[in-house]
Amino acid sequence: MPHVPVDTDVYEVFAQTGAGSALSHVGSLVAPRREAAWHLAKETYGRRDDLSRLWVVRRTDMIVSSAGDRTLLAAKTRMPHRQPRFPTTRRRDRSDGPDTTATTVAVPDTAVAGAGTRSSAAGPGDAGSARAGADPVLGGLWRALADDLFVLGNRLGERIVDYIDLEESLAVGSIGQEALAHAETVLALHGFDEAAADAHFFDRPQLQWQVSRVTGLLGDWPSTVACALVVSAAVTVLAEESAAYGPAIAAVRDEQLVHLDHWRRWARALAAWPETREEFARAYAEVTHHAGDLFGAAPHGTPAGAADGSPATAARLHARLAALVGDSGGPGSRLPDRPVPREAGGGGSVLARCLARGRLVREHYAPEVFL
């Protein structure tokens, strides 16, 4: 993977959502300077809730405990009856039976049998395989689109503070975070727990990723609009094909339809404005020309670049994608007539920057620091 310099700092964000709530750690972010970090935190973590307080602290300025400090941090008393919650806890422990009310996620036939969680030690693509009737083609396509959503979400996250228009900033921030959440949902439905999903996205070398060629074009705003439009259209098409995944994928489809409508409005605007008409026409032509591999992923467990294994399925999905993209108000699609295979190691500097920024946040980030 090419080296991508990251001339930014990592900041930790603490927020309080109400006068009676605690100030809690809500996440981390990367920013070039303090003021930008605070505004980025406000747009990222405060767009859906009213915040009472917002603290943004450079990680290198913090004094935090490590795993070796657990003995020092242990409670000095071994008398549980002196703890403030003891009476309530004891009553609950004595009255509650086994918890049989836990909500389960419907896992489709394409998922691993019985995989409610997946060990983080398992590498991407292992795990005992498929149940009877599994469809490796749809599973492979979902895993590939999860990579595209991850890159798109990260790229949109970098643009949250680029806008003078607050409404557009909030919309882009929401779409970016939902793209990342959808990528995680896809992995969860394939048996990944949180640690395994984190490893899948951040521990894989770039040479093992099979992102679509369009992700390497996520550059200026016209290209970003075109890329986001075709990725949203592809996820929508595959979600409509994947009824067996149940309500989780239905929710992804509904949110992606909102995203698609947002990017269509932008496409119509950029195609209509004299100042952007030619630039967007070039960007749209280039992006759609490279979008033939969105449904060209190899099935799960086959070598990179292998044939799809179900040409009829890929061709049907590709045709539906072409119809959606062609009806999006753009200046003319150049989507190929048939899907082409994805190739490993793509994504260029766009993917490299996403991985570098994410690994910068994770570096020296012991799980014991923030609970």
Protein backbone atom coordinates (compact mmCIF):
# COMPACT_ATOMS: atom_id res chain seq x y z
CA MET A 1 0.00 0.00 0.00
CA PRO A 2 1.47 3.41 -0.86
CA HIS A 3 2.45 5.59 2.07
CA VAL A 4 -0.05 8.36 2.68
CA PRO A 5 1.16 11.11 5.01
CA VAL A 6 -1.44 12.16 7.56
CA ASP A 7 -0.66 15.70 8.74
CA THR A 8 -3.47 15.72 11.31
CA ASP A 9 -4.08 14.93 14.98
CA VAL A 10 -6.48 12.52 16.64
CA TYR A 11 -9.05 14.09 18.98
CA GLU A 12 -11.31 12.41 21.54
CA VAL A 13 -14.87 13.73 21.81
CA PHE A 14 -16.93 13.92 25.02
CA ALA A 15 -20.56 15.06 24.95
CA GLN A 16 -23.43 15.67 27.36
CA THR A 17 -26.92 15.42 25.89
CA GLY A 18 -28.90 16.77 28.83
CA ALA A 19 -28.47 18.58 32.10
CA GLY A 20 -29.03 15.40 34.10
CA SER A 21 -26.82 13.09 32.03
CA ALA A 22 -23.13 12.40 32.36
CA LEU A 23 -20.45 13.79 30.10
CA SER A 24 -19.49 10.69 28.11
CA HIS A 25 -16.91 9.72 25.54
CA VAL A 26 -18.71 9.39 22.20
CA GLY A 27 -15.93 8.80 19.70
CA SER A 28 -12.74 9.90 18.00
CA LEU A 29 -11.96 11.96 14.94
CA VAL A 30 -9.07 13.25 12.86
CA ALA A 31 -8.69 16.97 12.19
CA PRO A 32 -5.94 19.37 11.08
CA ARG A 33 -6.43 21.91 13.90
CA ARG A 34 -8.34 22.49 17.12
CA GLU A 35 -11.12 24.70 15.78
CA ALA A 36 -11.83 22.33 12.91
CA ALA A 37 -11.90 19.41 15.37
CA TRP A 38 -14.55 21.09 17.51
CA HIS A 39 -16.78 21.95 14.54
CA LEU A 40 -16.34 18.49 13.05
CA ALA A 41 -17.31 16.95 16.41
CA LYS A 42 -20.39 19.19 16.59
CA GLU A 43 -21.56 18.18 13.11
CA THR A 44 -20.75 14.49 13.60
CA TYR A 45 -22.00 13.83 17.12
CA GLY A 46 -24.56 16.60 17.63
CA ARG A 47 -26.64 16.55 14.49
CA ARG A 48 -29.43 14.42 15.99
CA ASP A 49 -29.36 15.39 19.67
CA ASP A 50 -29.24 18.71 21.48
CA LEU A 51 -25.91 18.85 23.31
CA SER A 52 -25.45 20.58 26.66
CA ARG A 53 -21.68 20.35 26.57
CA LEU A 54 -19.09 19.29 24.03
CA TRP A 55 -15.45 18.66 24.93
CA VAL A 56 -12.86 17.91 22.24
CA VAL A 57 -9.40 16.96 23.47
CA ARG A 58 -6.24 16.18 21.52
CA ARG A 59 -5.35 12.60 22.37
CA THR A 60 -1.69 13.38 22.95
CA ASP A 61 -2.70 15.91 25.66
CA MET A 62 -4.60 13.32 27.68
CA ILE A 63 -3.35 11.26 30.61
CA VAL A 64 -5.05 7.88 30.44
CA SER A 65 -4.77 4.54 32.18
CA SER A 66 -3.39 1.44 30.54
CA ALA A 67 -4.08 -2.26 30.99
CA GLY A 68 -1.26 -2.43 33.55
CA ASP A 69 -3.04 0.08 35.80
CA ARG A 70 -5.97 -2.17 36.62
CA THR A 71 -4.56 -3.14 40.02
CA LEU A 72 -4.16 0.51 40.96
CA LEU A 73 -7.68 1.30 39.79
CA ALA A 74 -9.38 -1.61 41.56
CA ALA A 75 -11.89 -0.72 44.25
CA LYS A 76 -10.40 -0.65 47.76
CA THR A 77 -13.39 -2.38 49.33
CA ARG A 78 -14.31 -6.01 49.03
CA MET A 79 -17.62 -5.50 50.79
CA PRO A 80 -20.32 -5.44 48.13
CA HIS A 81 -23.07 -4.58 50.60
CA ARG A 82 -21.46 -1.16 50.99
CA GLN A 83 -21.84 -0.38 47.33
CA PRO A 84 -24.70 2.04 46.55
CA ARG A 85 -26.50 -0.23 44.12
CA PHE A 86 -26.26 -3.41 46.15
CA PRO A 87 -29.93 -3.65 47.32
CA THR A 88 -31.34 -3.14 43.83
CA THR A 89 -28.81 -5.46 42.25
CA ARG A 90 -29.47 -8.18 44.79
CA ARG A 91 -33.24 -8.01 44.32
CA ARG A 92 -32.83 -8.21 40.58
CA ASP A 93 -30.41 -11.13 40.77
CA ARG A 94 -32.75 -13.07 43.04
CA SER A 95 -35.90 -12.42 41.06
CA ASP A 96 -34.69 -12.66 37.48
CA GLY A 97 -34.57 -15.98 35.74
CA PRO A 98 -32.54 -16.75 32.65
CA ASP A 99 -32.83 -14.00 30.10
CA THR A 100 -34.83 -15.38 27.22
CA THR A 101 -35.96 -12.09 25.77
CA ALA A 102 -32.82 -11.09 23.90
CA THR A 103 -33.50 -9.78 20.43
CA THR A 104 -31.98 -11.80 17.63
CA VAL A 105 -31.16 -10.66 14.15
CA ALA A 106 -32.60 -12.67 11.32
CA VAL A 107 -29.69 -14.20 9.46
CA PRO A 108 -30.28 -15.26 5.86
CA ASP A 109 -29.24 -18.45 4.21
CA THR A 110 -26.17 -16.69 2.85
CA ALA A 111 -24.77 -16.29 6.37
CA VAL A 112 -22.70 -18.69 8.40
CA ALA A 113 -24.77 -21.21 10.32
CA GLY A 114 -25.27 -20.24 13.93
CA ALA A 115 -22.90 -17.28 13.71
CA GLY A 116 -24.36 -14.81 16.16
CA THR A 117 -20.79 -13.62 16.77
CA ARG A 118 -17.54 -14.32 15.09
CA SER A 119 -14.16 -14.55 16.71
CA SER A 120 -11.93 -11.62 15.90
CA ALA A 121 -9.13 -14.13 15.41
CA ALA A 122 -10.86 -15.44 12.32
CA GLY A 123 -9.65 -13.85 9.15
CA PRO A 124 -12.04 -12.36 6.60
CA GLY A 125 -13.59 -15.05 4.56
CA ASP A 126 -13.04 -17.99 6.89
CA ALA A 127 -15.57 -19.29 9.18
CA GLY A 128 -17.16 -22.34 8.60
CA SER A 129 -19.09 -22.09 5.75
CA ALA A 130 -22.32 -22.01 4.42
CA ARG A 131 -25.58 -23.51 5.51
CA ALA A 132 -27.60 -25.67 3.19
CA GLY A 133 -29.04 -23.52 0.45
CA ALA A 134 -26.49 -20.74 0.92
CA ASP A 135 -26.07 -18.28 -1.95
CA PRO A 136 -22.38 -17.37 -2.18
CA VAL A 137 -23.05 -15.01 -5.08
CA LEU A 138 -25.24 -12.58 -3.12
CA GLY A 139 -22.98 -12.95 -0.10
CA GLY A 140 -19.92 -12.06 -2.15
CA LEU A 141 -21.66 -9.08 -3.72
CA TRP A 142 -22.72 -7.77 -0.31
CA ARG A 143 -19.21 -8.11 1.09
CA ALA A 144 -17.81 -6.21 -1.89
CA LEU A 145 -20.38 -3.43 -1.59
CA ALA A 146 -19.62 -3.18 2.12
CA ASP A 147 -16.07 -2.20 1.15
CA ASP A 148 -17.42 0.44 -1.23
CA LEU A 149 -19.74 1.83 1.46
CA PHE A 150 -16.85 2.00 3.91
CA VAL A 151 -14.70 4.05 1.53
CA LEU A 152 -17.61 6.29 0.51
CA GLY A 153 -18.58 6.93 4.13
CA ASN A 154 -15.04 7.90 5.05
CA ARG A 155 -14.72 10.22 2.08
CA LEU A 156 -18.00 11.96 2.86
CA GLY A 157 -16.89 12.31 6.48
CA GLU A 158 -13.94 14.41 5.33
CA ARG A 159 -16.37 16.79 3.64
CA ILE A 160 -18.62 17.54 6.61
CA VAL A 161 -17.00 20.91 7.33
CA ASP A 162 -16.46 21.88 3.70
CA TYR A 163 -19.82 23.60 3.30
CA ILE A 164 -21.05 27.04 4.15
CA ASP A 165 -24.57 25.64 3.77
CA LEU A 166 -25.29 24.02 7.14
CA GLU A 167 -28.14 21.87 5.84
CA GLU A 168 -25.94 20.33 3.17
CA SER A 169 -23.18 19.72 5.70
CA LEU A 170 -25.62 17.88 7.95
CA ALA A 171 -27.00 15.85 5.05
CA VAL A 172 -23.56 14.77 3.87
CA GLY A 173 -22.53 13.90 7.42
CA SER A 174 -25.65 11.78 7.92
CA ILE A 175 -25.20 9.97 4.60
CA GLY A 176 -21.55 9.28 5.39
CA GLN A 177 -22.30 7.84 8.82
CA GLU A 178 -25.19 5.77 7.49
CA ALA A 179 -22.94 4.37 4.75
CA LEU A 180 -20.49 3.21 7.43
CA ALA A 181 -23.34 1.77 9.51
CA HIS A 182 -24.67 -0.10 6.47
CA ALA A 183 -21.24 -1.61 5.83
CA GLU A 184 -21.16 -2.82 9.44
CA THR A 185 -24.71 -4.20 9.14
CA VAL A 186 -23.66 -6.28 6.15
CA LEU A 187 -20.76 -7.80 8.09
CA ALA A 188 -22.95 -8.44 11.14
CA LEU A 189 -25.37 -10.39 8.95
CA HIS A 190 -22.42 -12.48 7.80
CA GLY A 191 -21.45 -13.41 11.34
CA PHE A 192 -18.91 -10.71 12.21
CA ASP A 193 -18.87 -9.34 15.74
CA GLU A 194 -17.65 -5.80 16.40
CA ALA A 195 -13.98 -6.78 16.83
CA ALA A 196 -13.99 -8.91 13.68
CA ALA A 197 -15.61 -6.12 11.64
CA ASP A 198 -12.99 -3.67 12.90
CA ALA A 199 -10.21 -6.06 11.92
CA HIS A 200 -11.84 -6.70 8.54
CA PHE A 201 -11.80 -3.01 7.67
CA PHE A 202 -8.52 -1.88 9.25
CA ASP A 203 -6.18 -4.89 9.39
CA ARG A 204 -6.47 -6.03 5.79
CA PRO A 205 -3.68 -4.77 3.53
CA GLN A 206 -4.91 -2.70 0.61
CA LEU A 207 -3.82 -5.45 -1.78
CA GLN A 208 -6.57 -7.67 -0.33
CA TRP A 209 -9.40 -5.19 -0.87
CA GLN A 210 -11.63 -5.57 -3.93
CA VAL A 211 -13.31 -2.18 -4.05
CA SER A 212 -15.06 -1.02 -7.19
CA ARG A 213 -13.05 1.12 -9.59
CA VAL A 214 -15.41 4.01 -8.90
CA THR A 215 -14.04 4.45 -5.36
CA GLY A 216 -10.69 5.51 -6.76
CA LEU A 217 -12.49 8.43 -8.44
CA LEU A 218 -13.80 9.97 -5.18
CA GLY A 219 -12.04 13.27 -5.67
CA ASP A 220 -13.69 16.62 -6.34
CA TRP A 221 -17.37 17.27 -5.67
CA PRO A 222 -18.75 16.39 -9.15
CA SER A 223 -16.92 13.04 -9.05
CA THR A 224 -18.07 12.41 -5.48
CA VAL A 225 -21.71 13.05 -6.45
CA ALA A 226 -21.43 10.65 -9.40
CA CYS A 227 -19.68 7.94 -7.32
CA ALA A 228 -22.13 8.23 -4.44
CA LEU A 229 -25.06 8.03 -6.83
CA VAL A 230 -23.95 4.78 -8.48
CA VAL A 231 -22.97 3.14 -5.16
CA SER A 232 -26.33 4.04 -3.61
CA ALA A 233 -28.09 2.70 -6.68
CA ALA A 234 -26.14 -0.57 -6.49
CA VAL A 235 -26.90 -1.09 -2.79
CA THR A 236 -30.58 -0.37 -3.44
CA VAL A 237 -30.73 -2.93 -6.24
CA LEU A 238 -28.99 -5.64 -4.22
CA ALA A 239 -31.15 -4.94 -1.15
CA GLU A 240 -34.28 -5.44 -3.22
CA GLU A 241 -32.84 -8.77 -4.39
CA SER A 242 -32.04 -9.90 -0.83
CA ALA A 243 -35.43 -10.30 0.80
CA ALA A 244 -34.09 -13.24 2.85
CA TYR A 245 -31.98 -10.86 4.91
CA GLY A 246 -35.11 -9.55 6.61
CA PRO A 247 -35.73 -6.18 8.25
CA ALA A 248 -32.07 -5.19 8.61
CA ILE A 249 -31.49 -5.06 4.86
CA ALA A 250 -34.96 -3.58 4.31
CA ALA A 251 -33.89 -0.67 6.52
CA VAL A 252 -30.66 -0.32 4.52
CA ARG A 253 -32.70 -0.22 1.31
CA ASP A 254 -35.04 2.47 2.63
CA GLU A 255 -32.16 4.69 3.77
CA GLN A 256 -30.23 4.17 0.56
CA LEU A 257 -33.28 5.26 -1.42
CA VAL A 258 -33.16 8.55 0.52
CA HIS A 259 -29.44 8.83 -0.28
CA LEU A 260 -30.11 8.10 -3.94
CA ASP A 261 -32.73 10.83 -4.09
CA HIS A 262 -30.23 13.28 -2.53
CA TRP A 263 -27.54 12.49 -5.11
CA ARG A 264 -30.05 12.64 -7.96
CA ARG A 265 -30.98 16.19 -6.95
CA TRP A 266 -27.30 17.11 -6.95
CA ALA A 267 -26.79 15.45 -10.33
CA ARG A 268 -29.64 17.44 -11.87
CA ALA A 269 -28.31 20.66 -10.36
CA LEU A 270 -24.71 20.13 -11.50
CA ALA A 271 -25.90 19.15 -14.98
CA ALA A 272 -28.03 22.29 -15.22
CA TRP A 273 -25.67 24.96 -13.88
CA PRO A 274 -23.56 26.50 -16.69
CA GLU A 275 -20.55 26.75 -14.34
CA THR A 276 -20.51 22.99 -13.63
CA ARG A 277 -22.22 21.44 -16.64
CA GLU A 278 -19.13 20.38 -18.59
CA GLU A 279 -17.13 19.34 -15.53
CA PHE A 280 -19.94 17.16 -14.23
CA ALA A 281 -20.56 15.63 -17.66
CA ARG A 282 -16.91 14.48 -17.74
CA ALA A 283 -17.04 13.19 -14.17
CA TYR A 284 -20.33 11.34 -14.71
CA ALA A 285 -19.06 9.74 -17.90
CA GLU A 286 -15.84 8.57 -16.24
CA VAL A 287 -17.53 7.24 -13.10
CA THR A 288 -20.26 5.34 -14.94
CA HIS A 289 -17.69 3.94 -17.37
CA HIS A 290 -15.84 2.40 -14.41
CA ALA A 291 -18.97 1.23 -12.58
CA GLY A 292 -19.28 -2.03 -14.47
CA ASP A 293 -17.64 -3.97 -11.65
CA LEU A 294 -20.17 -3.03 -8.93
CA PHE A 295 -21.86 -6.40 -9.51
CA GLY A 296 -18.75 -8.12 -10.80
CA ALA A 297 -17.40 -9.32 -7.45
CA ALA A 298 -16.20 -12.88 -7.19
CA PRO A 299 -18.27 -15.17 -4.96
CA HIS A 300 -17.10 -15.54 -1.36
CA GLY A 301 -14.20 -17.98 -1.13
CA THR A 302 -13.03 -17.75 -4.75
CA PRO A 303 -9.77 -16.14 -5.87
CA ALA A 304 -9.69 -12.43 -6.61
CA GLY A 305 -10.75 -11.66 -10.15
CA ALA A 306 -12.48 -15.00 -10.66
CA ALA A 307 -15.59 -15.17 -12.79
CA ASP A 308 -18.81 -14.43 -10.97
CA GLY A 309 -20.16 -17.99 -10.88
CA SER A 310 -23.70 -16.77 -11.64
CA PRO A 311 -23.62 -14.68 -14.81
CA ALA A 312 -27.40 -14.61 -14.96
CA THR A 313 -27.70 -13.06 -11.49
CA ALA A 314 -24.95 -10.53 -12.15
CA ALA A 315 -26.43 -9.58 -15.53
CA ARG A 316 -29.91 -9.12 -14.04
CA LEU A 317 -28.63 -6.91 -11.22
CA HIS A 318 -26.43 -4.96 -13.62
CA ALA A 319 -29.41 -4.28 -15.90
CA ARG A 320 -31.43 -2.94 -12.97
CA LEU A 321 -28.47 -0.78 -11.94
CA ALA A 322 -28.23 0.62 -15.48
CA ALA A 323 -31.92 1.53 -15.38
CA LEU A 324 -31.57 3.34 -12.05
CA VAL A 325 -28.41 5.20 -13.04
CA GLY A 326 -29.82 6.12 -16.44
CA ASP A 327 -32.90 7.60 -14.78
CA SER A 328 -30.96 9.77 -12.33
CA GLY A 329 -30.86 13.07 -14.16
CA GLY A 330 -27.19 12.81 -15.08
CA PRO A 331 -25.77 13.97 -18.41
CA GLY A 332 -25.66 10.46 -19.86
CA SER A 333 -24.45 7.15 -18.48
CA ARG A 334 -21.58 5.17 -19.99
CA LEU A 335 -22.21 2.07 -17.86
CA PRO A 336 -20.94 -1.02 -19.74
CA ASP A 337 -23.44 -3.44 -21.24
CA ARG A 338 -22.44 -6.25 -18.88
CA PRO A 339 -20.67 -6.54 -15.50
CA VAL A 340 -16.92 -7.03 -15.31
CA PRO A 341 -14.96 -8.67 -12.46
CA ARG A 342 -13.49 -6.63 -9.64
CA GLU A 343 -9.74 -6.63 -9.17
CA ALA A 344 -7.82 -6.83 -5.91
CA GLY A 345 -5.63 -3.99 -4.73
CA GLY A 346 -7.57 -1.09 -6.23
CA GLY A 347 -8.83 2.06 -4.63
CA GLY A 348 -5.61 4.02 -5.11
CA SER A 349 -4.85 6.93 -2.83
CA VAL A 350 -8.50 7.28 -1.79
CA LEU A 351 -8.58 3.86 -0.10
CA ALA A 352 -5.02 4.33 1.18
CA ARG A 353 -6.00 7.57 2.87
CA CYS A 354 -9.11 5.99 4.47
CA LEU A 355 -7.02 3.17 5.91
CA ALA A 356 -4.26 5.51 7.08
CA ARG A 357 -6.70 7.81 8.88
CA GLY A 358 -8.53 4.91 10.49
CA ARG A 359 -5.33 3.27 11.66
CA LEU A 360 -4.13 6.58 13.05
CA VAL A 361 -7.24 6.72 15.24
CA ARG A 362 -6.77 3.10 16.36
CA GLU A 363 -3.04 3.37 17.04
CA HIS A 364 -2.28 2.97 20.75
CA TYR A 365 -6.03 3.02 21.39
CA ALA A 366 -6.30 0.37 24.10
CA PRO A 367 -9.85 -0.92 24.52
CA GLU A 368 -9.57 -0.34 28.27
CA VAL A 369 -9.23 3.44 27.83
CA PHE A 370 -12.85 4.27 27.00
CA LEU A 371 -15.67 1.98 28.04
